[in-house]
Structure formats: C-alpha cells, structure tokens
C-alpha atoms as a PDB file:
ATOM      1  CA  UNK A   1      40.519 -56.247 -14.128  1.00  0.00           C
ATOM      2  CA  UNK A   2      37.667 -53.818 -13.874  1.00  0.00           C
ATOM      3  CA  UNK A   3      37.866 -51.150 -10.995  1.00  0.00           C
ATOM      4  CA  UNK A   4      35.443 -50.571  -8.253  1.00  0.00           C
ATOM      5  CA  UNK A   5      33.396 -47.608  -8.578  1.00  0.00           C
ATOM      6  CA  UNK A   6      33.603 -44.945  -5.937  1.00  0.00           C
ATOM      7  CA  UNK A   7      29.949 -45.418  -4.603  1.00  0.00           C
ATOM      8  CA  UNK A   8      30.646 -49.202  -4.249  1.00  0.00           C
ATOM      9  CA  UNK A   9      33.997 -48.501  -2.318  1.00  0.00           C
ATOM     10  CA  UNK A  10      32.145 -46.062  -0.183  1.00  0.00           C
ATOM     11  CA  UNK A  11      29.353 -48.548   0.480  1.00  0.00           C
ATOM     12  CA  UNK A  12      32.044 -51.222   1.414  1.00  0.00           C
ATOM     13  CA  UNK A  13      33.711 -48.740   3.809  1.00  0.00           C
ATOM     14  CA  UNK A  14      30.519 -47.574   5.142  1.00  0.00           C
ATOM     15  CA  UNK A  15      30.726 -47.015   9.072  1.00  0.00           C
ATOM     16  CA  UNK A  16      27.337 -48.656   9.465  1.00  0.00           C
ATOM     17  CA  UNK A  17      28.768 -51.920   8.192  1.00  0.00           C
ATOM     18  CA  UNK A  18      31.675 -51.781  10.844  1.00  0.00           C
ATOM     19  CA  UNK A  19      34.285 -52.584   8.335  1.00  0.00           C
ATOM     20  CA  UNK A  20      37.307 -51.950  10.486  1.00  0.00           C
ATOM     21  CA  UNK A  21      39.080 -53.979  13.308  1.00  0.00           C
ATOM     22  CA  UNK A  22      38.609 -52.730  16.757  1.00  0.00           C
ATOM     23  CA  UNK A  23      41.175 -50.254  18.415  1.00  0.00           C
ATOM     24  CA  UNK A  24      42.584 -51.151  21.721  1.00  0.00           C
ATOM     25  CA  UNK A  25      41.267 -48.762  24.262  1.00  0.00           C
ATOM     26  CA  UNK A  26      43.945 -47.023  26.559  1.00  0.00           C
ATOM     27  CA  UNK A  27      42.867 -49.187  29.620  1.00  0.00           C
ATOM     28  CA  UNK A  28      42.933 -52.447  28.093  1.00  0.00           C
ATOM     29  CA  UNK A  29      46.370 -53.324  29.343  1.00  0.00           C
ATOM     30  CA  UNK A  30      45.056 -52.763  32.979  1.00  0.00           C
ATOM     31  CA  UNK A  31      42.341 -55.267  32.183  1.00  0.00           C
ATOM     32  CA  UNK A  32      44.846 -57.941  30.993  1.00  0.00           C
ATOM     33  CA  UNK A  33      47.162 -56.970  34.065  1.00  0.00           C
ATOM     34  CA  UNK A  34      44.258 -57.569  36.610  1.00  0.00           C
ATOM     35  CA  UNK A  35      43.540 -61.130  34.939  1.00  0.00           C
ATOM     36  CA  UNK A  36      47.162 -61.861  35.170  1.00  0.00           C
ATOM     37  CA  UNK A  37      47.196 -60.956  38.943  1.00  0.00           C
ATOM     38  CA  UNK A  38      43.998 -62.930  39.619  1.00  0.00           C
ATOM     39  CA  UNK A  39      45.552 -65.846  37.828  1.00  0.00           C
ATOM     40  CA  UNK A  40      48.688 -65.656  39.985  1.00  0.00           C
ATOM     41  CA  UNK A  41      46.654 -65.530  43.226  1.00  0.00           C
ATOM     42  CA  UNK A  42      44.864 -68.614  42.038  1.00  0.00           C
ATOM     43  CA  UNK A  43      48.097 -70.432  41.024  1.00  0.00           C
ATOM     44  CA  UNK A  44      47.093 -70.310  37.474  1.00  0.00           C
ATOM     45  CA  UNK A  45      49.938 -70.194  35.179  1.00  0.00           C
ATOM     46  CA  UNK A  46      50.718 -67.708  32.489  1.00  0.00           C
ATOM     47  CA  UNK A  47      49.650 -70.121  29.564  1.00  0.00           C
ATOM     48  CA  UNK A  48      46.133 -70.234  30.873  1.00  0.00           C
ATOM     49  CA  UNK A  49      45.398 -66.632  31.158  1.00  0.00           C
ATOM     50  CA  UNK A  50      47.317 -65.702  28.065  1.00  0.00           C
ATOM     51  CA  UNK A  51      45.269 -68.326  26.182  1.00  0.00           C
ATOM     52  CA  UNK A  52      41.911 -66.779  27.534  1.00  0.00           C
ATOM     53  CA  UNK A  53      42.985 -63.364  26.840  1.00  0.00           C
ATOM     54  CA  UNK A  54      44.414 -63.961  23.155  1.00  0.00           C
ATOM     55  CA  UNK A  55      41.208 -66.206  22.183  1.00  0.00           C
ATOM     56  CA  UNK A  56      38.864 -63.452  23.432  1.00  0.00           C
ATOM     57  CA  UNK A  57      40.708 -60.592  21.807  1.00  0.00           C
ATOM     58  CA  UNK A  58      40.995 -62.448  18.510  1.00  0.00           C
ATOM     59  CA  UNK A  59      37.115 -63.008  18.715  1.00  0.00           C
ATOM     60  CA  UNK A  60      36.561 -59.277  19.378  1.00  0.00           C
ATOM     61  CA  UNK A  61      38.838 -58.621  16.180  1.00  0.00           C
ATOM     62  CA  UNK A  62      41.286 -56.122  18.032  1.00  0.00           C
ATOM     63  CA  UNK A  63      45.020 -56.528  16.705  1.00  0.00           C
ATOM     64  CA  UNK A  64      46.080 -53.511  18.548  1.00  0.00           C
ATOM     65  CA  UNK A  65      44.915 -55.006  21.881  1.00  0.00           C
ATOM     66  CA  UNK A  66      47.035 -58.362  20.989  1.00  0.00           C
ATOM     67  CA  UNK A  67      50.039 -56.071  20.770  1.00  0.00           C
ATOM     68  CA  UNK A  68      49.187 -54.766  24.109  1.00  0.00           C
ATOM     69  CA  UNK A  69      48.707 -58.255  25.491  1.00  0.00           C
ATOM     70  CA  UNK A  70      51.974 -59.384  24.152  1.00  0.00           C
ATOM     71  CA  UNK A  71      53.875 -56.429  25.620  1.00  0.00           C
ATOM     72  CA  UNK A  72      52.504 -57.117  29.006  1.00  0.00           C
ATOM     73  CA  UNK A  73      53.028 -60.899  28.853  1.00  0.00           C
ATOM     74  CA  UNK A  74      56.738 -60.144  28.033  1.00  0.00           C
ATOM     75  CA  UNK A  75      57.310 -57.381  30.416  1.00  0.00           C
ATOM     76  CA  UNK A  76      59.279 -59.599  32.745  1.00  0.00           C
ATOM     77  CA  UNK A  77      63.115 -59.858  32.204  1.00  0.00           C
ATOM     78  CA  UNK A  78      63.308 -63.445  30.780  1.00  0.00           C
ATOM     79  CA  UNK A  79      64.649 -62.329  27.518  1.00  0.00           C
ATOM     80  CA  UNK A  80      64.339 -63.178  23.792  1.00  0.00           C
ATOM     81  CA  UNK A  81      63.661 -66.771  24.261  1.00  0.00           C
ATOM     82  CA  UNK A  82      60.591 -66.019  26.492  1.00  0.00           C
ATOM     83  CA  UNK A  83      59.288 -63.403  24.008  1.00  0.00           C
ATOM     84  CA  UNK A  84      59.542 -65.942  21.243  1.00  0.00           C
ATOM     85  CA  UNK A  85      57.806 -68.563  23.117  1.00  0.00           C
ATOM     86  CA  UNK A  86      54.999 -66.048  24.002  1.00  0.00           C
ATOM     87  CA  UNK A  87      54.483 -65.101  20.518  1.00  0.00           C
ATOM     88  CA  UNK A  88      54.309 -68.724  19.323  1.00  0.00           C
ATOM     89  CA  UNK A  89      51.835 -69.500  21.969  1.00  0.00           C
ATOM     90  CA  UNK A  90      49.584 -66.468  21.090  1.00  0.00           C
ATOM     91  CA  UNK A  91      49.594 -67.119  17.350  1.00  0.00           C
ATOM     92  CA  UNK A  92      49.003 -70.888  17.848  1.00  0.00           C
ATOM     93  CA  UNK A  93      45.855 -69.927  19.878  1.00  0.00           C
ATOM     94  CA  UNK A  94      44.902 -67.507  17.078  1.00  0.00           C
ATOM     95  CA  UNK A  95      45.138 -70.209  14.566  1.00  0.00           C
ATOM     96  CA  UNK A  96      42.821 -72.564  16.400  1.00  0.00           C
ATOM     97  CA  UNK A  97      40.304 -69.643  16.870  1.00  0.00           C
ATOM     98  CA  UNK A  98      39.549 -70.410  13.036  1.00  0.00           C
ATOM     99  CA  UNK A  99      37.516 -73.388  14.238  1.00  0.00           C
ATOM    100  CA  UNK A 100      35.218 -71.131  16.239  1.00  0.00           C
ATOM    101  CA  UNK A 101      35.424 -67.757  14.900  1.00  0.00           C
ATOM    102  CA  UNK A 102      36.221 -68.429  11.231  1.00  0.00           C
ATOM    103  CA  UNK A 103      39.156 -67.439   8.905  1.00  0.00           C
ATOM    104  CA  UNK A 104      38.793 -63.555   8.445  1.00  0.00           C
ATOM    105  CA  UNK A 105      39.333 -62.564  12.031  1.00  0.00           C
ATOM    106  CA  UNK A 106      42.437 -64.863  12.428  1.00  0.00           C
ATOM    107  CA  UNK A 107      43.778 -63.397   9.245  1.00  0.00           C
ATOM    108  CA  UNK A 108      43.282 -59.768  10.458  1.00  0.00           C
ATOM    109  CA  UNK A 109      44.743 -60.273  14.016  1.00  0.00           C
ATOM    110  CA  UNK A 110      47.736 -62.623  13.218  1.00  0.00           C
ATOM    111  CA  UNK A 111      48.899 -60.559  10.264  1.00  0.00           C
ATOM    112  CA  UNK A 112      48.809 -57.230  12.185  1.00  0.00           C
ATOM    113  CA  UNK A 113      50.202 -59.152  15.266  1.00  0.00           C
ATOM    114  CA  UNK A 114      53.286 -60.290  13.341  1.00  0.00           C
ATOM    115  CA  UNK A 115      53.732 -56.836  12.011  1.00  0.00           C
ATOM    116  CA  UNK A 116      53.875 -55.303  15.617  1.00  0.00           C
ATOM    117  CA  UNK A 117      56.455 -57.828  16.937  1.00  0.00           C
ATOM    118  CA  UNK A 118      60.109 -56.830  17.402  1.00  0.00           C
ATOM    119  CA  UNK A 119      62.233 -57.932  14.388  1.00  0.00           C
ATOM    120  CA  UNK A 120      64.393 -60.046  16.659  1.00  0.00           C
ATOM    121  CA  UNK A 121      61.157 -61.993  17.691  1.00  0.00           C
ATOM    122  CA  UNK A 122      59.951 -62.300  14.103  1.00  0.00           C
ATOM    123  CA  UNK A 123      63.170 -63.703  12.791  1.00  0.00           C
ATOM    124  CA  UNK A 124      62.989 -66.572  15.486  1.00  0.00           C
ATOM    125  CA  UNK A 125      59.448 -67.616  14.927  1.00  0.00           C
ATOM    126  CA  UNK A 126      58.859 -71.018  13.285  1.00  0.00           C
ATOM    127  CA  UNK A 127      58.389 -70.930   9.488  1.00  0.00           C
ATOM    128  CA  UNK A 128      57.759 -74.577   8.938  1.00  0.00           C
ATOM    129  CA  UNK A 129      54.133 -75.755   8.680  1.00  0.00           C
ATOM    130  CA  UNK A 130      53.190 -78.779  10.942  1.00  0.00           C
ATOM    131  CA  UNK A 131      49.521 -79.581   9.530  1.00  0.00           C
ATOM    132  CA  UNK A 132      50.172 -80.426   5.879  1.00  0.00           C
ATOM    133  CA  UNK A 133      48.231 -83.554   5.284  1.00  0.00           C
ATOM    134  CA  UNK A 134      50.018 -86.311   3.347  1.00  0.00           C
ATOM    135  CA  UNK A 135      49.356 -89.866   2.312  1.00  0.00           C
ATOM    136  CA  UNK A 136      51.474 -90.699   5.124  1.00  0.00           C
ATOM    137  CA  UNK A 137      49.975 -88.843   7.863  1.00  0.00           C
ATOM    138  CA  UNK A 138      46.202 -88.581   6.967  1.00  0.00           C
ATOM    139  CA  UNK A 139      45.341 -91.556   9.108  1.00  0.00           C
ATOM    140  CA  UNK A 140      47.021 -90.204  12.075  1.00  0.00           C
ATOM    141  CA  UNK A 141      45.245 -86.846  11.515  1.00  0.00           C
ATOM    142  CA  UNK A 142      41.926 -88.576  11.375  1.00  0.00           C
ATOM    143  CA  UNK A 143      42.695 -90.675  14.729  1.00  0.00           C
ATOM    144  CA  UNK A 144      43.671 -87.631  16.441  1.00  0.00           C
ATOM    145  CA  UNK A 145      40.535 -85.829  15.514  1.00  0.00           C
ATOM    146  CA  UNK A 146      38.321 -88.870  16.587  1.00  0.00           C
ATOM    147  CA  UNK A 147      40.239 -89.024  19.905  1.00  0.00           C
ATOM    148  CA  UNK A 148      39.973 -85.464  20.827  1.00  0.00           C
ATOM    149  CA  UNK A 149      36.087 -85.576  19.695  1.00  0.00           C
ATOM    150  CA  UNK A 150      35.553 -88.592  21.980  1.00  0.00           C
ATOM    151  CA  UNK A 151      37.467 -87.005  24.903  1.00  0.00           C
ATOM    152  CA  UNK A 152      35.404 -83.729  24.771  1.00  0.00           C
ATOM    153  CA  UNK A 153      31.923 -85.168  24.081  1.00  0.00           C
ATOM    154  CA  UNK A 154      32.045 -88.686  25.677  1.00  0.00           C
ATOM    155  CA  UNK A 155      29.488 -90.315  26.503  1.00  0.00           C
ATOM    156  CA  UNK A 156      27.497 -88.295  23.961  1.00  0.00           C
ATOM    157  CA  UNK A 157      30.114 -88.389  21.253  1.00  0.00           C
ATOM    158  CA  UNK A 158      28.514 -90.851  18.786  1.00  0.00           C
ATOM    159  CA  UNK A 159      25.029 -89.469  19.415  1.00  0.00           C
ATOM    160  CA  UNK A 160      26.274 -86.112  18.641  1.00  0.00           C
ATOM    161  CA  UNK A 161      28.115 -87.124  15.504  1.00  0.00           C
ATOM    162  CA  UNK A 162      24.951 -88.565  14.021  1.00  0.00           C
ATOM    163  CA  UNK A 163      22.691 -85.722  14.999  1.00  0.00           C
ATOM    164  CA  UNK A 164      25.010 -83.438  13.377  1.00  0.00           C
ATOM    165  CA  UNK A 165      24.767 -85.826  10.323  1.00  0.00           C
ATOM    166  CA  UNK A 166      21.203 -85.383  10.079  1.00  0.00           C
ATOM    167  CA  UNK A 167      21.612 -81.756   9.488  1.00  0.00           C
ATOM    168  CA  UNK A 168      24.328 -82.476   6.598  1.00  0.00           C
ATOM    169  CA  UNK A 169      26.056 -85.622   6.082  1.00  0.00           C
ATOM    170  CA  UNK A 170      29.306 -83.899   5.662  1.00  0.00           C
ATOM    171  CA  UNK A 171      28.874 -81.669   8.846  1.00  0.00           C
ATOM    172  CA  UNK A 172      30.545 -84.185  11.126  1.00  0.00           C
ATOM    173  CA  UNK A 173      32.783 -85.444   8.726  1.00  0.00           C
ATOM    174  CA  UNK A 174      34.332 -81.880   8.251  1.00  0.00           C
ATOM    175  CA  UNK A 175      34.237 -80.980  11.934  1.00  0.00           C
ATOM    176  CA  UNK A 176      35.997 -84.118  13.253  1.00  0.00           C
ATOM    177  CA  UNK A 177      38.285 -84.752  10.436  1.00  0.00           C
ATOM    178  CA  UNK A 178      39.307 -81.166   9.437  1.00  0.00           C
ATOM    179  CA  UNK A 179      38.548 -79.107  12.669  1.00  0.00           C
ATOM    180  CA  UNK A 180      39.322 -81.445  15.335  1.00  0.00           C
ATOM    181  CA  UNK A 181      41.954 -83.630  13.497  1.00  0.00           C
ATOM    182  CA  UNK A 182      43.501 -81.064  11.259  1.00  0.00           C
ATOM    183  CA  UNK A 183      43.299 -78.025  13.630  1.00  0.00           C
ATOM    184  CA  UNK A 184      42.466 -78.562  17.198  1.00  0.00           C
ATOM    185  CA  UNK A 185      44.534 -81.790  17.934  1.00  0.00           C
ATOM    186  CA  UNK A 186      48.194 -80.955  17.921  1.00  0.00           C
ATOM    187  CA  UNK A 187      50.653 -82.641  15.591  1.00  0.00           C
ATOM    188  CA  UNK A 188      52.929 -84.727  17.597  1.00  0.00           C
ATOM    189  CA  UNK A 189      56.063 -82.448  17.031  1.00  0.00           C
ATOM    190  CA  UNK A 190      54.285 -79.126  17.782  1.00  0.00           C
ATOM    191  CA  UNK A 191      55.671 -77.208  20.361  1.00  0.00           C
ATOM    192  CA  UNK A 192      58.548 -79.415  21.467  1.00  0.00           C
ATOM    193  CA  UNK A 193      61.241 -77.067  19.794  1.00  0.00           C
ATOM    194  CA  UNK A 194      59.507 -73.674  20.466  1.00  0.00           C
ATOM    195  CA  UNK A 195      58.383 -74.533  23.989  1.00  0.00           C
ATOM    196  CA  UNK A 196      54.938 -73.104  23.088  1.00  0.00           C
ATOM    197  CA  UNK A 197      51.948 -75.679  22.998  1.00  0.00           C
ATOM    198  CA  UNK A 198      48.264 -75.154  23.162  1.00  0.00           C
ATOM    199  CA  UNK A 199      47.429 -78.815  23.788  1.00  0.00           C
ATOM    200  CA  UNK A 200      44.394 -80.521  25.236  1.00  0.00           C
ATOM    201  CA  UNK A 201      43.645 -78.156  28.053  1.00  0.00           C
ATOM    202  CA  UNK A 202      44.412 -74.845  26.482  1.00  0.00           C
ATOM    203  CA  UNK A 203      42.449 -75.893  23.429  1.00  0.00           C
ATOM    204  CA  UNK A 204      39.311 -76.091  25.800  1.00  0.00           C
ATOM    205  CA  UNK A 205      40.187 -72.697  27.188  1.00  0.00           C
ATOM    206  CA  UNK A 206      40.300 -71.343  23.641  1.00  0.00           C
ATOM    207  CA  UNK A 207      36.916 -72.818  22.769  1.00  0.00           C
ATOM    208  CA  UNK A 208      35.206 -71.521  25.797  1.00  0.00           C
ATOM    209  CA  UNK A 209      36.745 -67.977  25.461  1.00  0.00           C
ATOM    210  CA  UNK A 210      35.908 -67.822  21.728  1.00  0.00           C
ATOM    211  CA  UNK A 211      32.343 -69.026  22.183  1.00  0.00           C
ATOM    212  CA  UNK A 212      31.494 -66.963  25.262  1.00  0.00           C
ATOM    213  CA  UNK A 213      32.987 -63.778  23.548  1.00  0.00           C
ATOM    214  CA  UNK A 214      30.755 -64.485  20.349  1.00  0.00           C
ATOM    215  CA  UNK A 215      27.518 -64.739  22.447  1.00  0.00           C
ATOM    216  CA  UNK A 216      24.369 -66.567  21.079  1.00  0.00           C
ATOM    217  CA  UNK A 217      26.092 -70.092  21.420  1.00  0.00           C
ATOM    218  CA  UNK A 218      25.333 -70.958  25.076  1.00  0.00           C
ATOM    219  CA  UNK A 219      25.043 -74.623  24.380  1.00  0.00           C
ATOM    220  CA  UNK A 220      28.389 -74.893  22.890  1.00  0.00           C
ATOM    221  CA  UNK A 221      29.878 -72.919  25.755  1.00  0.00           C
ATOM    222  CA  UNK A 222      28.381 -75.559  28.158  1.00  0.00           C
ATOM    223  CA  UNK A 223      29.798 -78.412  25.868  1.00  0.00           C
ATOM    224  CA  UNK A 224      33.449 -77.080  25.993  1.00  0.00           C
ATOM    225  CA  UNK A 225      33.123 -76.354  29.740  1.00  0.00           C
ATOM    226  CA  UNK A 226      32.319 -80.035  30.117  1.00  0.00           C
ATOM    227  CA  UNK A 227      35.211 -80.629  27.540  1.00  0.00           C
ATOM    228  CA  UNK A 228      37.591 -78.965  29.840  1.00  0.00           C
ATOM    229  CA  UNK A 229      36.520 -80.964  32.745  1.00  0.00           C
ATOM    230  CA  UNK A 230      36.660 -84.263  30.847  1.00  0.00           C
ATOM    231  CA  UNK A 231      40.406 -83.450  30.122  1.00  0.00           C
ATOM    232  CA  UNK A 232      41.089 -84.250  33.812  1.00  0.00           C
ATOM    233  CA  UNK A 233      38.377 -86.807  34.134  1.00  0.00           C
ATOM    234  CA  UNK A 234      39.774 -89.020  31.374  1.00  0.00           C
ATOM    235  CA  UNK A 235      43.457 -88.229  31.975  1.00  0.00           C
ATOM    236  CA  UNK A 236      43.998 -86.698  28.321  1.00  0.00           C
ATOM    237  CA  UNK A 237      45.489 -83.747  30.146  1.00  0.00           C
ATOM    238  CA  UNK A 238      48.610 -85.673  30.779  1.00  0.00           C
ATOM    239  CA  UNK A 239      48.607 -87.795  27.557  1.00  0.00           C
ATOM    240  CA  UNK A 240      51.948 -88.403  25.790  1.00  0.00           C
ATOM    241  CA  UNK A 241      53.191 -85.125  24.345  1.00  0.00           C
ATOM    242  CA  UNK A 242      51.087 -82.880  26.486  1.00  0.00           C
ATOM    243  CA  UNK A 243      52.617 -80.044  28.575  1.00  0.00           C
ATOM    244  CA  UNK A 244      51.704 -79.291  32.122  1.00  0.00           C
ATOM    245  CA  UNK A 245      49.090 -76.517  32.626  1.00  0.00           C
ATOM    246  CA  UNK A 246      49.594 -74.782  35.904  1.00  0.00           C
ATOM    247  CA  UNK A 247      46.323 -74.443  37.709  1.00  0.00           C
ATOM    248  CA  UNK A 248      44.490 -76.540  35.197  1.00  0.00           C
ATOM    249  CA  UNK A 249      42.686 -78.815  37.794  1.00  0.00           C
ATOM    250  CA  UNK A 250      41.345 -75.780  39.424  1.00  0.00           C
ATOM    251  CA  UNK A 251      40.157 -73.990  36.075  1.00  0.00           C
ATOM    252  CA  UNK A 252      38.084 -77.366  35.642  1.00  0.00           C
ATOM    253  CA  UNK A 253      36.089 -76.720  38.846  1.00  0.00           C
ATOM    254  CA  UNK A 254      32.920 -74.559  39.324  1.00  0.00           C
ATOM    255  CA  UNK A 255      34.943 -71.837  40.774  1.00  0.00           C
ATOM    256  CA  UNK A 256      37.464 -72.058  38.012  1.00  0.00           C
ATOM    257  CA  UNK A 257      34.734 -72.189  35.204  1.00  0.00           C
ATOM    258  CA  UNK A 258      33.188 -68.921  36.575  1.00  0.00           C
ATOM    259  CA  UNK A 259      36.550 -67.258  36.680  1.00  0.00           C
ATOM    260  CA  UNK A 260      37.241 -68.136  33.082  1.00  0.00           C
ATOM    261  CA  UNK A 261      33.695 -66.671  32.084  1.00  0.00           C
ATOM    262  CA  UNK A 262      34.106 -63.578  34.066  1.00  0.00           C
ATOM    263  CA  UNK A 263      37.604 -62.930  32.602  1.00  0.00           C
ATOM    264  CA  UNK A 264      36.176 -63.276  29.079  1.00  0.00           C
ATOM    265  CA  UNK A 265      33.418 -60.942  29.930  1.00  0.00           C
ATOM    266  CA  UNK A 266      35.838 -58.303  31.362  1.00  0.00           C
ATOM    267  CA  UNK A 267      37.734 -58.235  28.096  1.00  0.00           C
ATOM    268  CA  UNK A 268      34.764 -58.166  25.941  1.00  0.00           C
ATOM    269  CA  UNK A 269      33.290 -55.154  27.918  1.00  0.00           C
ATOM    270  CA  UNK A 270      36.525 -53.218  27.640  1.00  0.00           C
ATOM    271  CA  UNK A 271      37.195 -53.820  23.970  1.00  0.00           C
ATOM    272  CA  UNK A 272      33.497 -53.350  23.131  1.00  0.00           C
ATOM    273  CA  UNK A 273      33.369 -49.985  25.033  1.00  0.00           C
ATOM    274  CA  UNK A 274      30.529 -51.680  27.167  1.00  0.00           C
ATOM    275  CA  UNK A 275      28.374 -52.335  24.018  1.00  0.00           C
ATOM    276  CA  UNK A 276      29.085 -56.089  24.116  1.00  0.00           C
ATOM    277  CA  UNK A 277      30.597 -58.400  21.486  1.00  0.00           C
ATOM    278  CA  UNK A 278      31.866 -57.165  18.066  1.00  0.00           C
ATOM    279  CA  UNK A 279      31.479 -60.521  16.587  1.00  0.00           C
ATOM    280  CA  UNK A 280      28.016 -60.350  15.248  1.00  0.00           C
ATOM    281  CA  UNK A 281      26.470 -56.937  16.282  1.00  0.00           C
ATOM    282  CA  UNK A 282      24.646 -56.204  13.143  1.00  0.00           C
ATOM    283  CA  UNK A 283      24.685 -53.095  11.249  1.00  0.00           C
ATOM    284  CA  UNK A 284      25.104 -49.843  13.289  1.00  0.00           C
ATOM    285  CA  UNK A 285      22.539 -47.064  13.418  1.00  0.00           C
ATOM    286  CA  UNK A 286      24.057 -43.853  12.492  1.00  0.00           C
END
C-alpha cells in the first residue's frame, strides 16, 4: 500500500481543519454536577440528566468529558453493579447518537470511553449484539420502527413520510426501517439483564439533546420536543418492556422542555469554550 506524503499528512492534521476531539475543560464536571442537582430538585431521575449530558457531550465530540461525566455519575457508593449500569446506559445513548450525529463521533467517543473505564467495569459490559437482523426478526424490526415513527410524528406521520419520499424515494425507507427500527426502537431483550435501557422517553431526550447541540436544525428540535410529549399523550412511555423514567412527565411540559434546552446549552457553552457547537463550525481562521 502506498504511503501518504508528509505534506498530505500535515494537511489532514492542519489545525484549521479541527481534526481532533475536544478536550474536557477543567470545570466541565461542575457543569454536570449543577445539572444533576437541578434534576434532583425537580424530581428528575439520574437516567434523564445522564442521557441529556451524554448525548450533548457525544455531539460535541469530547471523549474526555464523557469520562468526567461517568466519574460523577458513579461517585456515589452503590458499587460495581451501579457503575456497570451507568456505563451501559451511556454507551447505549452513544449508539443512538449515530442516527442524529453520524457514525464518526460515536466511534471516537465510545472507543475512548471504553478505554477510560475501570477494568472491572469493562469486563462486566455486555458483549452480545442485540440488533443483528435475521430472516426471523426482520419483520419485528420494521414494525418497531413504524410504531415509533407513528408515536413521534402522529398525526403527521404519513404526510411526513411521503414528503421525505419526494426528496428521495429511499429516504423515508432508510429512516423508518434502519434508524427507527434498527436503532432507535429497542429490541425486546435490551436492558433487562444490564438494567440499562434508553427506551421511548430517553430516546426522545437523546434526539432533542443531539439536535439542539448541533445547531441549524430547529424544525427537527421542535419535532422531537413534540415526540417527547407524545410519549405521554399516547401512553407509549409505559408500553410493555419500558422502564419508568422518574420525572418524565415534568420533562414533557413547557417548563421541562425549557430546562432540557438550557441544560444542553450549558454543556455546549462549557465544552465549546463559549464559541458554540463543534458539530459544524467550519474551518478555523488561524
């Protein structure tokens, strides 16, 4: 295989191209801590503020900050089982970020995140894939995708589907079957052994957090704010296999929605050094 020339390597690594992940600022843990305390004061459980923080940090491409988040979330004396459950939840949220942020940032963050975990936690993490499509389960995957799509976008689900098809006939096919069915909608067995499950409500929190942190996609933020609310309107938050989300009903109110967006903004401000999102800032001027 031919080698890359030094000028080409230098161009790829040029600071103006922002080639590296974001470091964690020294005060990022205090930002997460403030969100944790605010969540507790509003009777919002750990899974929600941890999901919001994880998804936002993944979008900002800061593996170091994910490590700080994990250390904070496991700073209570529950022990190894709690630490494993926290790591499982964080990496499941990180996986679902693919559908909003794309594959590369999830690869960056989850790889570095695993490398930062204590060996006793790593050894206890699940190693069995749960989303492999087969001839036996493909219909179930498609059905889960359609059900989640309808729950989030009803009563405009059909209209939106065909509007997307006007842009490209395979666009809604991919989104509903592969993103919603294959990724966003949990396989039935997911989380019941590890105790960590994203589920219907936390998936909406992941969506809102990623999209808000990206910037430039206000209509999609609005859609997933409504998607969060509809989880409680249509009862899908308590469907078979779902785990309770403490404070979920409040998060689906105007006040709760505002808190979610402000929480995302606080993390973006801290990780972005008050320069905004790192998702698509363009070339830096040196």
